[in-house]
Amino acid sequence: MARSSVYTPVLFRFPGEVAREDGWGRFLELAASTAKLCTQTPLKAGEKLRLGFEVNGERFRDLRARVEYVGRDEDGFCCADLRFEDEVEKRRMARVLADLLARQVDSPR
């Protein structure tokens, strides 16, 4: 998975959980079907999230994701591996990321 020097901000909520506050963080890595999220909000493997973020001018709202793995970085932030659950949205993400990569390759330095 390629890394960017710019981290994408992301808002998330916990569907169906009345007592959980919404959270925010940054994607450290982003692919068509997975992402690595860094946040101060405690997460647990198996939890479901609804994500909101923007990539290359394309907005993703309520993207369903599942927390696959959770660890802590050296600063104590929660770093979670996420798997996107919506097949249609995964295909849309693949198109957006392919377009973004194509623009980076085509742009003169």
PDB file of N, CA and C in Angstrom:
ATOM      1  N   MET A   1       0.847  -1.163   0.000  1.00  0.00           N
ATOM      2  CA  MET A   1       0.000   0.000   0.000  1.00  0.00           C
ATOM      3  C   MET A   1       0.900   1.235   0.000  1.00  0.00           C
ATOM      4  N   ALA A   2       0.659   2.155  -0.924  1.00  0.00           N
ATOM      5  CA  ALA A   2       1.463   3.359  -1.030  1.00  0.00           C
ATOM      6  C   ALA A   2       1.108   4.343   0.070  1.00  0.00           C
ATOM      7  N   ARG A   3       2.108   5.081   0.512  1.00  0.00           N
ATOM      8  CA  ARG A   3       1.889   6.109   1.523  1.00  0.00           C
ATOM      9  C   ARG A   3       1.995   7.475   0.886  1.00  0.00           C
ATOM     10  N   SER A   4       1.238   8.387   1.411  1.00  0.00           N
ATOM     11  CA  SER A   4       1.255   9.760   0.944  1.00  0.00           C
ATOM     12  C   SER A   4       1.852  10.637   2.034  1.00  0.00           C
ATOM     13  N   SER A   5       2.449  11.754   1.629  1.00  0.00           N
ATOM     14  CA  SER A   5       2.962  12.688   2.627  1.00  0.00           C
ATOM     15  C   SER A   5       1.828  13.523   3.213  1.00  0.00           C
ATOM     16  N   VAL A   6       0.637  13.426   2.631  1.00  0.00           N
ATOM     17  CA  VAL A   6      -0.545  14.142   3.113  1.00  0.00           C
ATOM     18  C   VAL A   6      -1.530  13.111   3.662  1.00  0.00           C
ATOM     19  N   TYR A   7      -1.891  13.255   4.931  1.00  0.00           N
ATOM     20  CA  TYR A   7      -2.826  12.327   5.540  1.00  0.00           C
ATOM     21  C   TYR A   7      -4.248  12.850   5.375  1.00  0.00           C
ATOM     22  N   THR A   8      -5.149  11.970   5.005  1.00  0.00           N
ATOM     23  CA  THR A   8      -6.541  12.337   4.767  1.00  0.00           C
ATOM     24  C   THR A   8      -7.313  12.361   6.087  1.00  0.00           C
ATOM     25  N   PRO A   9      -7.909  13.508   6.457  1.00  0.00           N
ATOM     26  CA  PRO A   9      -8.736  13.542   7.668  1.00  0.00           C
ATOM     27  C   PRO A   9     -10.022  12.747   7.462  1.00  0.00           C
ATOM     28  N   VAL A  10     -10.486  12.110   8.516  1.00  0.00           N
ATOM     29  CA  VAL A  10     -11.696  11.287   8.436  1.00  0.00           C
ATOM     30  C   VAL A  10     -12.515  11.445   9.716  1.00  0.00           C
ATOM     31  N   LEU A  11     -13.820  11.572   9.548  1.00  0.00           N
ATOM     32  CA  LEU A  11     -14.759  11.550  10.666  1.00  0.00           C
ATOM     33  C   LEU A  11     -15.384  10.166  10.702  1.00  0.00           C
ATOM     34  N   PHE A  12     -15.701   9.676  11.892  1.00  0.00           N
ATOM     35  CA  PHE A  12     -16.361   8.371  11.969  1.00  0.00           C
ATOM     36  C   PHE A  12     -17.355   8.352  13.116  1.00  0.00           C
ATOM     37  N   ARG A  13     -18.326   7.464  12.943  1.00  0.00           N
ATOM     38  CA  ARG A  13     -19.326   7.259  13.994  1.00  0.00           C
ATOM     39  C   ARG A  13     -19.529   5.765  14.158  1.00  0.00           C
ATOM     40  N   PHE A  14     -20.161   5.429  15.257  1.00  0.00           N
ATOM     41  CA  PHE A  14     -20.431   4.032  15.595  1.00  0.00           C
ATOM     42  C   PHE A  14     -21.920   3.776  15.387  1.00  0.00           C
ATOM     43  N   PRO A  15     -22.302   3.109  14.327  1.00  0.00           N
ATOM     44  CA  PRO A  15     -23.740   2.896  14.069  1.00  0.00           C
ATOM     45  C   PRO A  15     -24.377   2.030  15.143  1.00  0.00           C
ATOM     46  N   GLY A  16     -25.541   2.451  15.592  1.00  0.00           N
ATOM     47  CA  GLY A  16     -26.303   1.654  16.549  1.00  0.00           C
ATOM     48  C   GLY A  16     -25.846   1.767  17.982  1.00  0.00           C
ATOM     49  N   GLU A  17     -24.781   2.497  18.247  1.00  0.00           N
ATOM     50  CA  GLU A  17     -24.280   2.630  19.613  1.00  0.00           C
ATOM     51  C   GLU A  17     -24.650   3.998  20.158  1.00  0.00           C
ATOM     52  N   VAL A  18     -25.591   4.032  21.077  1.00  0.00           N
ATOM     53  CA  VAL A  18     -26.087   5.285  21.625  1.00  0.00           C
ATOM     54  C   VAL A  18     -25.018   5.973  22.478  1.00  0.00           C
ATOM     55  N   ALA A  19     -24.233   5.219  23.228  1.00  0.00           N
ATOM     56  CA  ALA A  19     -23.318   5.797  24.207  1.00  0.00           C
ATOM     57  C   ALA A  19     -21.956   6.181  23.636  1.00  0.00           C
ATOM     58  N   ARG A  20     -21.668   5.918  22.375  1.00  0.00           N
ATOM     59  CA  ARG A  20     -20.358   6.227  21.798  1.00  0.00           C
ATOM     60  C   ARG A  20     -20.390   7.562  21.074  1.00  0.00           C
ATOM     61  N   GLU A  21     -19.439   8.415  21.374  1.00  0.00           N
ATOM     62  CA  GLU A  21     -19.308   9.691  20.670  1.00  0.00           C
ATOM     63  C   GLU A  21     -18.651   9.473  19.325  1.00  0.00           C
ATOM     64  N   ASP A  22     -18.970  10.342  18.377  1.00  0.00           N
ATOM     65  CA  ASP A  22     -18.294  10.311  17.089  1.00  0.00           C
ATOM     66  C   ASP A  22     -16.816  10.602  17.312  1.00  0.00           C
ATOM     67  N   GLY A  23     -15.990  10.172  16.367  1.00  0.00           N
ATOM     68  CA  GLY A  23     -14.555  10.395  16.479  1.00  0.00           C
ATOM     69  C   GLY A  23     -13.985  10.940  15.183  1.00  0.00           C
ATOM     70  N   TRP A  24     -12.719  11.248  15.224  1.00  0.00           N
ATOM     71  CA  TRP A  24     -12.035  11.698  14.024  1.00  0.00           C
ATOM     72  C   TRP A  24     -10.594  11.202  14.080  1.00  0.00           C
ATOM     73  N   GLY A  25      -9.982  11.190  12.941  1.00  0.00           N
ATOM     74  CA  GLY A  25      -8.596  10.767  12.857  1.00  0.00           C
ATOM     75  C   GLY A  25      -8.067  11.060  11.468  1.00  0.00           C
ATOM     76  N   ARG A  26      -7.014  10.340  11.098  1.00  0.00           N
ATOM     77  CA  ARG A  26      -6.397  10.509   9.782  1.00  0.00           C
ATOM     78  C   ARG A  26      -6.086   9.140   9.207  1.00  0.00           C
ATOM     79  N   PHE A  27      -6.259   9.034   7.896  1.00  0.00           N
ATOM     80  CA  PHE A  27      -5.808   7.825   7.216  1.00  0.00           C
ATOM     81  C   PHE A  27      -4.304   7.928   7.019  1.00  0.00           C
ATOM     82  N   LEU A  28      -3.581   6.939   7.496  1.00  0.00           N
ATOM     83  CA  LEU A  28      -2.155   6.845   7.232  1.00  0.00           C
ATOM     84  C   LEU A  28      -1.917   6.127   5.913  1.00  0.00           C
ATOM     85  N   GLU A  29      -2.819   5.215   5.580  1.00  0.00           N
ATOM     86  CA  GLU A  29      -2.769   4.463   4.330  1.00  0.00           C
ATOM     87  C   GLU A  29      -4.193   4.325   3.824  1.00  0.00           C
ATOM     88  N   LEU A  30      -4.337   4.299   2.500  1.00  0.00           N
ATOM     89  CA  LEU A  30      -5.666   4.175   1.911  1.00  0.00           C
ATOM     90  C   LEU A  30      -5.579   3.394   0.620  1.00  0.00           C
ATOM     91  N   ALA A  31      -6.382   2.356   0.521  1.00  0.00           N
ATOM     92  CA  ALA A  31      -6.483   1.544  -0.692  1.00  0.00           C
ATOM     93  C   ALA A  31      -7.964   1.398  -1.022  1.00  0.00           C
ATOM     94  N   ALA A  32      -8.265   0.710  -2.106  1.00  0.00           N
ATOM     95  CA  ALA A  32      -9.658   0.597  -2.552  1.00  0.00           C
ATOM     96  C   ALA A  32     -10.546  -0.143  -1.559  1.00  0.00           C
ATOM     97  N   SER A  33      -9.996  -1.086  -0.814  1.00  0.00           N
ATOM     98  CA  SER A  33     -10.839  -1.861   0.094  1.00  0.00           C
ATOM     99  C   SER A  33     -10.372  -1.834   1.547  1.00  0.00           C
ATOM    100  N   THR A  34      -9.254  -1.164   1.814  1.00  0.00           N
ATOM    101  CA  THR A  34      -8.729  -1.118   3.174  1.00  0.00           C
ATOM    102  C   THR A  34      -8.137   0.256   3.473  1.00  0.00           C
ATOM    103  N   ALA A  35      -7.916   0.496   4.765  1.00  0.00           N
ATOM    104  CA  ALA A  35      -7.256   1.729   5.195  1.00  0.00           C
ATOM    105  C   ALA A  35      -6.628   1.498   6.559  1.00  0.00           C
ATOM    106  N   LYS A  36      -5.661   2.352   6.884  1.00  0.00           N
ATOM    107  CA  LYS A  36      -5.090   2.374   8.229  1.00  0.00           C
ATOM    108  C   LYS A  36      -5.450   3.727   8.818  1.00  0.00           C
ATOM    109  N   LEU A  37      -6.176   3.708   9.937  1.00  0.00           N
ATOM    110  CA  LEU A  37      -6.686   4.898  10.597  1.00  0.00           C
ATOM    111  C   LEU A  37      -5.913   5.146  11.883  1.00  0.00           C
ATOM    112  N   CYS A  38      -5.483   6.399  12.086  1.00  0.00           N
ATOM    113  CA  CYS A  38      -4.827   6.818  13.321  1.00  0.00           C
ATOM    114  C   CYS A  38      -5.773   7.774  14.045  1.00  0.00           C
ATOM    115  N   THR A  39      -6.060   7.494  15.318  1.00  0.00           N
ATOM    116  CA  THR A  39      -7.021   8.294  16.077  1.00  0.00           C
ATOM    117  C   THR A  39      -6.719   8.209  17.569  1.00  0.00           C
ATOM    118  N   GLN A  40      -7.244   9.162  18.323  1.00  0.00           N
ATOM    119  CA  GLN A  40      -7.161   9.084  19.784  1.00  0.00           C
ATOM    120  C   GLN A  40      -8.345   8.325  20.364  1.00  0.00           C
ATOM    121  N   THR A  41      -9.367   8.096  19.569  1.00  0.00           N
ATOM    122  CA  THR A  41     -10.558   7.373  20.009  1.00  0.00           C
ATOM    123  C   THR A  41     -10.241   5.885  20.142  1.00  0.00           C
ATOM    124  N   PRO A  42     -10.499   5.285  21.287  1.00  0.00           N
ATOM    125  CA  PRO A  42     -10.256   3.841  21.431  1.00  0.00           C
ATOM    126  C   PRO A  42     -11.165   3.035  20.500  1.00  0.00           C
ATOM    127  N   LEU A  43     -10.581   2.077  19.825  1.00  0.00           N
ATOM    128  CA  LEU A  43     -11.323   1.186  18.929  1.00  0.00           C
ATOM    129  C   LEU A  43     -11.014  -0.253  19.307  1.00  0.00           C
ATOM    130  N   LYS A  44     -11.925  -1.159  18.931  1.00  0.00           N
ATOM    131  CA  LYS A  44     -11.739  -2.587  19.187  1.00  0.00           C
ATOM    132  C   LYS A  44     -11.925  -3.362  17.894  1.00  0.00           C
ATOM    133  N   ALA A  45     -11.161  -4.419  17.726  1.00  0.00           N
ATOM    134  CA  ALA A  45     -11.313  -5.287  16.560  1.00  0.00           C
ATOM    135  C   ALA A  45     -12.746  -5.805  16.516  1.00  0.00           C
ATOM    136  N   GLY A  46     -13.324  -5.805  15.342  1.00  0.00           N
ATOM    137  CA  GLY A  46     -14.685  -6.279  15.155  1.00  0.00           C
ATOM    138  C   GLY A  46     -15.722  -5.170  15.159  1.00  0.00           C
ATOM    139  N   GLU A  47     -15.362  -3.979  15.633  1.00  0.00           N
ATOM    140  CA  GLU A  47     -16.319  -2.876  15.647  1.00  0.00           C
ATOM    141  C   GLU A  47     -16.636  -2.419  14.225  1.00  0.00           C
ATOM    142  N   LYS A  48     -17.859  -1.944  14.075  1.00  0.00           N
ATOM    143  CA  LYS A  48     -18.307  -1.377  12.803  1.00  0.00           C
ATOM    144  C   LYS A  48     -18.250   0.140  12.907  1.00  0.00           C
ATOM    145  N   LEU A  49     -17.827   0.772  11.824  1.00  0.00           N
ATOM    146  CA  LEU A  49     -17.753   2.227  11.757  1.00  0.00           C
ATOM    147  C   LEU A  49     -18.457   2.718  10.508  1.00  0.00           C
ATOM    148  N   ARG A  50     -18.871   3.971  10.524  1.00  0.00           N
ATOM    149  CA  ARG A  50     -19.354   4.692   9.347  1.00  0.00           C
ATOM    150  C   ARG A  50     -18.403   5.864   9.163  1.00  0.00           C
ATOM    151  N   LEU A  51     -17.761   5.951   8.004  1.00  0.00           N
ATOM    152  CA  LEU A  51     -16.713   6.926   7.751  1.00  0.00           C
ATOM    153  C   LEU A  51     -17.174   8.036   6.820  1.00  0.00           C
ATOM    154  N   GLY A  52     -16.624   9.217   7.017  1.00  0.00           N
ATOM    155  CA  GLY A  52     -16.845  10.342   6.126  1.00  0.00           C
ATOM    156  C   GLY A  52     -15.520  11.032   5.843  1.00  0.00           C
ATOM    157  N   PHE A  53     -15.166  11.179   4.547  1.00  0.00           N
ATOM    158  CA  PHE A  53     -13.902  11.796   4.160  1.00  0.00           C
ATOM    159  C   PHE A  53     -13.965  12.181   2.690  1.00  0.00           C
ATOM    160  N   GLU A  54     -12.918  12.854   2.236  1.00  0.00           N
ATOM    161  CA  GLU A  54     -12.845  13.288   0.839  1.00  0.00           C
ATOM    162  C   GLU A  54     -11.483  12.919   0.267  1.00  0.00           C
ATOM    163  N   VAL A  55     -11.503  12.384  -0.950  1.00  0.00           N
ATOM    164  CA  VAL A  55     -10.269  12.033  -1.659  1.00  0.00           C
ATOM    165  C   VAL A  55     -10.360  12.595  -3.065  1.00  0.00           C
ATOM    166  N   ASN A  56      -9.396  13.422  -3.418  1.00  0.00           N
ATOM    167  CA  ASN A  56      -9.315  13.958  -4.783  1.00  0.00           C
ATOM    168  C   ASN A  56     -10.617  14.631  -5.217  1.00  0.00           C
ATOM    169  N   GLY A  57     -11.261  15.339  -4.285  1.00  0.00           N
ATOM    170  CA  GLY A  57     -12.511  16.037  -4.585  1.00  0.00           C
ATOM    171  C   GLY A  57     -13.753  15.166  -4.536  1.00  0.00           C
ATOM    172  N   GLU A  58     -13.597  13.890  -4.300  1.00  0.00           N
ATOM    173  CA  GLU A  58     -14.724  12.945  -4.235  1.00  0.00           C
ATOM    174  C   GLU A  58     -15.065  12.691  -2.769  1.00  0.00           C
ATOM    175  N   ARG A  59     -16.326  12.956  -2.406  1.00  0.00           N
ATOM    176  CA  ARG A  59     -16.757  12.757  -1.010  1.00  0.00           C
ATOM    177  C   ARG A  59     -17.296  11.353  -0.791  1.00  0.00           C
ATOM    178  N   PHE A  60     -16.873  10.774   0.315  1.00  0.00           N
ATOM    179  CA  PHE A  60     -17.401   9.489   0.772  1.00  0.00           C
ATOM    180  C   PHE A  60     -18.126   9.767   2.081  1.00  0.00           C
ATOM    181  N   ARG A  61     -19.395   9.385   2.127  1.00  0.00           N
ATOM    182  CA  ARG A  61     -20.213   9.608   3.330  1.00  0.00           C
ATOM    183  C   ARG A  61     -20.789   8.269   3.786  1.00  0.00           C
ATOM    184  N   ASP A  62     -20.719   8.044   5.056  1.00  0.00           N
ATOM    185  CA  ASP A  62     -21.273   6.813   5.647  1.00  0.00           C
ATOM    186  C   ASP A  62     -20.710   5.539   5.024  1.00  0.00           C
ATOM    187  N   LEU A  63     -19.431   5.570   4.670  1.00  0.00           N
ATOM    188  CA  LEU A  63     -18.782   4.372   4.134  1.00  0.00           C
ATOM    189  C   LEU A  63     -18.664   3.344   5.258  1.00  0.00           C
ATOM    190  N   ARG A  64     -19.254   2.187   5.048  1.00  0.00           N
ATOM    191  CA  ARG A  64     -19.242   1.137   6.073  1.00  0.00           C
ATOM    192  C   ARG A  64     -17.862   0.476   6.130  1.00  0.00           C
ATOM    193  N   ALA A  65     -17.347   0.353   7.359  1.00  0.00           N
ATOM    194  CA  ALA A  65     -16.045  -0.285   7.556  1.00  0.00           C
ATOM    195  C   ALA A  65     -16.079  -1.126   8.823  1.00  0.00           C
ATOM    196  N   ARG A  66     -15.188  -2.098   8.854  1.00  0.00           N
ATOM    197  CA  ARG A  66     -15.030  -2.974  10.016  1.00  0.00           C
ATOM    198  C   ARG A  66     -13.589  -2.857  10.490  1.00  0.00           C
ATOM    199  N   VAL A  67     -13.406  -2.745  11.802  1.00  0.00           N
ATOM    200  CA  VAL A  67     -12.069  -2.704  12.389  1.00  0.00           C
ATOM    201  C   VAL A  67     -11.527  -4.127  12.405  1.00  0.00           C
ATOM    202  N   GLU A  68     -10.409  -4.345  11.717  1.00  0.00           N
ATOM    203  CA  GLU A  68      -9.805  -5.683  11.639  1.00  0.00           C
ATOM    204  C   GLU A  68      -8.733  -5.909  12.708  1.00  0.00           C
ATOM    205  N   TYR A  69      -7.945  -4.877  12.962  1.00  0.00           N
ATOM    206  CA  TYR A  69      -6.827  -4.990  13.914  1.00  0.00           C
ATOM    207  C   TYR A  69      -6.610  -3.624  14.552  1.00  0.00           C
ATOM    208  N   VAL A  70      -6.215  -3.616  15.821  1.00  0.00           N
ATOM    209  CA  VAL A  70      -5.934  -2.361  16.522  1.00  0.00           C
ATOM    210  C   VAL A  70      -4.605  -2.485  17.265  1.00  0.00           C
ATOM    211  N   GLY A  71      -3.784  -1.467  17.112  1.00  0.00           N
ATOM    212  CA  GLY A  71      -2.523  -1.379  17.840  1.00  0.00           C
ATOM    213  C   GLY A  71      -2.330   0.051  18.319  1.00  0.00           C
ATOM    214  N   ARG A  72      -1.225   0.305  18.951  1.00  0.00           N
ATOM    215  CA  ARG A  72      -0.889   1.655  19.423  1.00  0.00           C
ATOM    216  C   ARG A  72       0.458   2.055  18.823  1.00  0.00           C
ATOM    217  N   ASP A  73       0.566   3.333  18.440  1.00  0.00           N
ATOM    218  CA  ASP A  73       1.852   3.806  17.955  1.00  0.00           C
ATOM    219  C   ASP A  73       2.690   4.287  19.137  1.00  0.00           C
ATOM    220  N   GLU A  74       3.904   4.773  18.862  1.00  0.00           N
ATOM    221  CA  GLU A  74       4.811   5.179  19.939  1.00  0.00           C
ATOM    222  C   GLU A  74       4.300   6.379  20.738  1.00  0.00           C
ATOM    223  N   ASP A  75       3.355   7.130  20.174  1.00  0.00           N
ATOM    224  CA  ASP A  75       2.770   8.269  20.883  1.00  0.00           C
ATOM    225  C   ASP A  75       1.471   7.916  21.609  1.00  0.00           C
ATOM    226  N   GLY A  76       1.063   6.657  21.549  1.00  0.00           N
ATOM    227  CA  GLY A  76      -0.142   6.219  22.245  1.00  0.00           C
ATOM    228  C   GLY A  76      -1.420   6.336  21.437  1.00  0.00           C
ATOM    229  N   PHE A  77      -1.297   6.742  20.161  1.00  0.00           N
ATOM    230  CA  PHE A  77      -2.481   6.831  19.311  1.00  0.00           C
ATOM    231  C   PHE A  77      -2.931   5.443  18.884  1.00  0.00           C
ATOM    232  N   CYS A  78      -4.222   5.291  18.737  1.00  0.00           N
ATOM    233  CA  CYS A  78      -4.808   4.042  18.255  1.00  0.00           C
ATOM    234  C   CYS A  78      -4.613   3.984  16.739  1.00  0.00           C
ATOM    235  N   CYS A  79      -4.026   2.905  16.251  1.00  0.00           N
ATOM    236  CA  CYS A  79      -3.842   2.694  14.811  1.00  0.00           C
ATOM    237  C   CYS A  79      -4.613   1.441  14.432  1.00  0.00           C
ATOM    238  N   ALA A  80      -5.631   1.616  13.596  1.00  0.00           N
ATOM    239  CA  ALA A  80      -6.533   0.516  13.282  1.00  0.00           C
ATOM    240  C   ALA A  80      -6.503   0.195  11.791  1.00  0.00           C
ATOM    241  N   ASP A  81      -6.451  -1.086  11.489  1.00  0.00           N
ATOM    242  CA  ASP A  81      -6.618  -1.549  10.110  1.00  0.00           C
ATOM    243  C   ASP A  81      -8.104  -1.710   9.864  1.00  0.00           C
ATOM    244  N   LEU A  82      -8.603  -1.060   8.824  1.00  0.00           N
ATOM    245  CA  LEU A  82     -10.023  -1.111   8.478  1.00  0.00           C
ATOM    246  C   LEU A  82     -10.230  -1.842   7.172  1.00  0.00           C
ATOM    247  N   ARG A  83     -11.381  -2.492   7.055  1.00  0.00           N
ATOM    248  CA  ARG A  83     -11.791  -3.130   5.801  1.00  0.00           C
ATOM    249  C   ARG A  83     -13.140  -2.544   5.424  1.00  0.00           C
ATOM    250  N   PHE A  84     -13.217  -1.986   4.213  1.00  0.00           N
ATOM    251  CA  PHE A  84     -14.473  -1.426   3.733  1.00  0.00           C
ATOM    252  C   PHE A  84     -15.414  -2.553   3.355  1.00  0.00           C
ATOM    253  N   GLU A  85     -16.710  -2.386   3.637  1.00  0.00           N
ATOM    254  CA  GLU A  85     -17.676  -3.474   3.470  1.00  0.00           C
ATOM    255  C   GLU A  85     -18.583  -3.333   2.252  1.00  0.00           C
ATOM    256  N   ASP A  86     -18.693  -2.164   1.681  1.00  0.00           N
ATOM    257  CA  ASP A  86     -19.617  -1.920   0.574  1.00  0.00           C
ATOM    258  C   ASP A  86     -18.884  -2.102  -0.757  1.00  0.00           C
ATOM    259  N   GLU A  87     -19.283  -3.105  -1.530  1.00  0.00           N
ATOM    260  CA  GLU A  87     -18.601  -3.423  -2.790  1.00  0.00           C
ATOM    261  C   GLU A  87     -18.700  -2.281  -3.807  1.00  0.00           C
ATOM    262  N   VAL A  88     -19.830  -1.621  -3.871  1.00  0.00           N
ATOM    263  CA  VAL A  88     -20.000  -0.505  -4.807  1.00  0.00           C
ATOM    264  C   VAL A  88     -19.053   0.631  -4.435  1.00  0.00           C
ATOM    265  N   GLU A  89     -18.963   0.938  -3.167  1.00  0.00           N
ATOM    266  CA  GLU A  89     -18.078   2.016  -2.711  1.00  0.00           C
ATOM    267  C   GLU A  89     -16.610   1.637  -2.894  1.00  0.00           C
ATOM    268  N   LYS A  90     -16.273   0.361  -2.755  1.00  0.00           N
ATOM    269  CA  LYS A  90     -14.892  -0.073  -2.993  1.00  0.00           C
ATOM    270  C   LYS A  90     -14.506   0.147  -4.454  1.00  0.00           C
ATOM    271  N   ARG A  91     -15.433  -0.132  -5.363  1.00  0.00           N
ATOM    272  CA  ARG A  91     -15.150   0.105  -6.788  1.00  0.00           C
ATOM    273  C   ARG A  91     -14.996   1.598  -7.066  1.00  0.00           C
ATOM    274  N   ARG A  92     -15.838   2.411  -6.437  1.00  0.00           N
ATOM    275  CA  ARG A  92     -15.735   3.862  -6.610  1.00  0.00           C
ATOM    276  C   ARG A  92     -14.396   4.365  -6.056  1.00  0.00           C
ATOM    277  N   MET A  93     -13.990   3.848  -4.890  1.00  0.00           N
ATOM    278  CA  MET A  93     -12.705   4.228  -4.302  1.00  0.00           C
ATOM    279  C   MET A  93     -11.559   3.846  -5.238  1.00  0.00           C
ATOM    280  N   ALA A  94     -11.634   2.667  -5.831  1.00  0.00           N
ATOM    281  CA  ALA A  94     -10.586   2.234  -6.763  1.00  0.00           C
ATOM    282  C   ALA A  94     -10.471   3.212  -7.932  1.00  0.00           C
ATOM    283  N   ARG A  95     -11.603   3.663  -8.471  1.00  0.00           N
ATOM    284  CA  ARG A  95     -11.583   4.621  -9.583  1.00  0.00           C
ATOM    285  C   ARG A  95     -10.967   5.952  -9.156  1.00  0.00           C
ATOM    286  N   VAL A  96     -11.353   6.434  -7.981  1.00  0.00           N
ATOM    287  CA  VAL A  96     -10.839   7.714  -7.477  1.00  0.00           C
ATOM    288  C   VAL A  96      -9.326   7.627  -7.270  1.00  0.00           C
ATOM    289  N   LEU A  97      -8.865   6.545  -6.653  1.00  0.00           N
ATOM    290  CA  LEU A  97      -7.431   6.394  -6.397  1.00  0.00           C
ATOM    291  C   LEU A  97      -6.647   6.219  -7.697  1.00  0.00           C
ATOM    292  N   ALA A  98      -7.205   5.493  -8.651  1.00  0.00           N
ATOM    293  CA  ALA A  98      -6.538   5.328  -9.954  1.00  0.00           C
ATOM    294  C   ALA A  98      -6.419   6.675 -10.662  1.00  0.00           C
ATOM    295  N   ASP A  99      -7.475   7.475 -10.600  1.00  0.00           N
ATOM    296  CA  ASP A  99      -7.447   8.811 -11.207  1.00  0.00           C
ATOM    297  C   ASP A  99      -6.405   9.687 -10.518  1.00  0.00           C
ATOM    298  N   LEU A 100      -6.342   9.624  -9.209  1.00  0.00           N
ATOM    299  CA  LEU A 100      -5.370  10.413  -8.458  1.00  0.00           C
ATOM    300  C   LEU A 100      -3.941  10.011  -8.838  1.00  0.00           C
ATOM    301  N   LEU A 101      -3.680   8.719  -8.925  1.00  0.00           N
ATOM    302  CA  LEU A 101      -2.342   8.243  -9.310  1.00  0.00           C
ATOM    303  C   LEU A 101      -2.005   8.652 -10.730  1.00  0.00           C
ATOM    304  N   ALA A 102      -2.971   8.575 -11.637  1.00  0.00           N
ATOM    305  CA  ALA A 102      -2.744   8.958 -13.022  1.00  0.00           C
ATOM    306  C   ALA A 102      -2.383  10.439 -13.109  1.00  0.00           C
ATOM    307  N   ARG A 103      -3.044  11.271 -12.322  1.00  0.00           N
ATOM    308  CA  ARG A 103      -2.737  12.705 -12.320  1.00  0.00           C
ATOM    309  C   ARG A 103      -1.336  12.963 -11.795  1.00  0.00           C
ATOM    310  N   GLN A 104      -0.911  12.195 -10.800  1.00  0.00           N
ATOM    311  CA  GLN A 104       0.419  12.384 -10.253  1.00  0.00           C
ATOM    312  C   GLN A 104       1.500  11.966 -11.251  1.00  0.00           C
ATOM    313  N   VAL A 105       1.222  10.906 -11.993  1.00  0.00           N
ATOM    314  CA  VAL A 105       2.174  10.427 -12.997  1.00  0.00           C
ATOM    315  C   VAL A 105       2.256  11.399 -14.161  1.00  0.00           C
ATOM    316  N   ASP A 106       1.117  11.954 -14.570  1.00  0.00           N
ATOM    317  CA  ASP A 106       1.052  12.850 -15.718  1.00  0.00           C
ATOM    318  C   ASP A 106       1.551  14.256 -15.422  1.00  0.00           C
ATOM    319  N   SER A 107       1.572  14.660 -14.156  1.00  0.00           N
ATOM    320  CA  SER A 107       1.938  16.041 -13.847  1.00  0.00           C
ATOM    321  C   SER A 107       3.446  16.218 -13.915  1.00  0.00           C
ATOM    322  N   PRO A 108       3.893  17.301 -14.568  1.00  0.00           N
ATOM    323  CA  PRO A 108       5.356  17.553 -14.632  1.00  0.00           C
ATOM    324  C   PRO A 108       5.873  17.994 -13.275  1.00  0.00           C
ATOM    325  N   ARG A 109       7.083  17.679 -13.015  1.00  0.00           N
ATOM    326  CA  ARG A 109       7.697  18.039 -11.724  1.00  0.00           C
ATOM    327  C   ARG A 109       8.533  19.267 -11.858  1.00  0.00           C
TER     328      ARG A 109
END
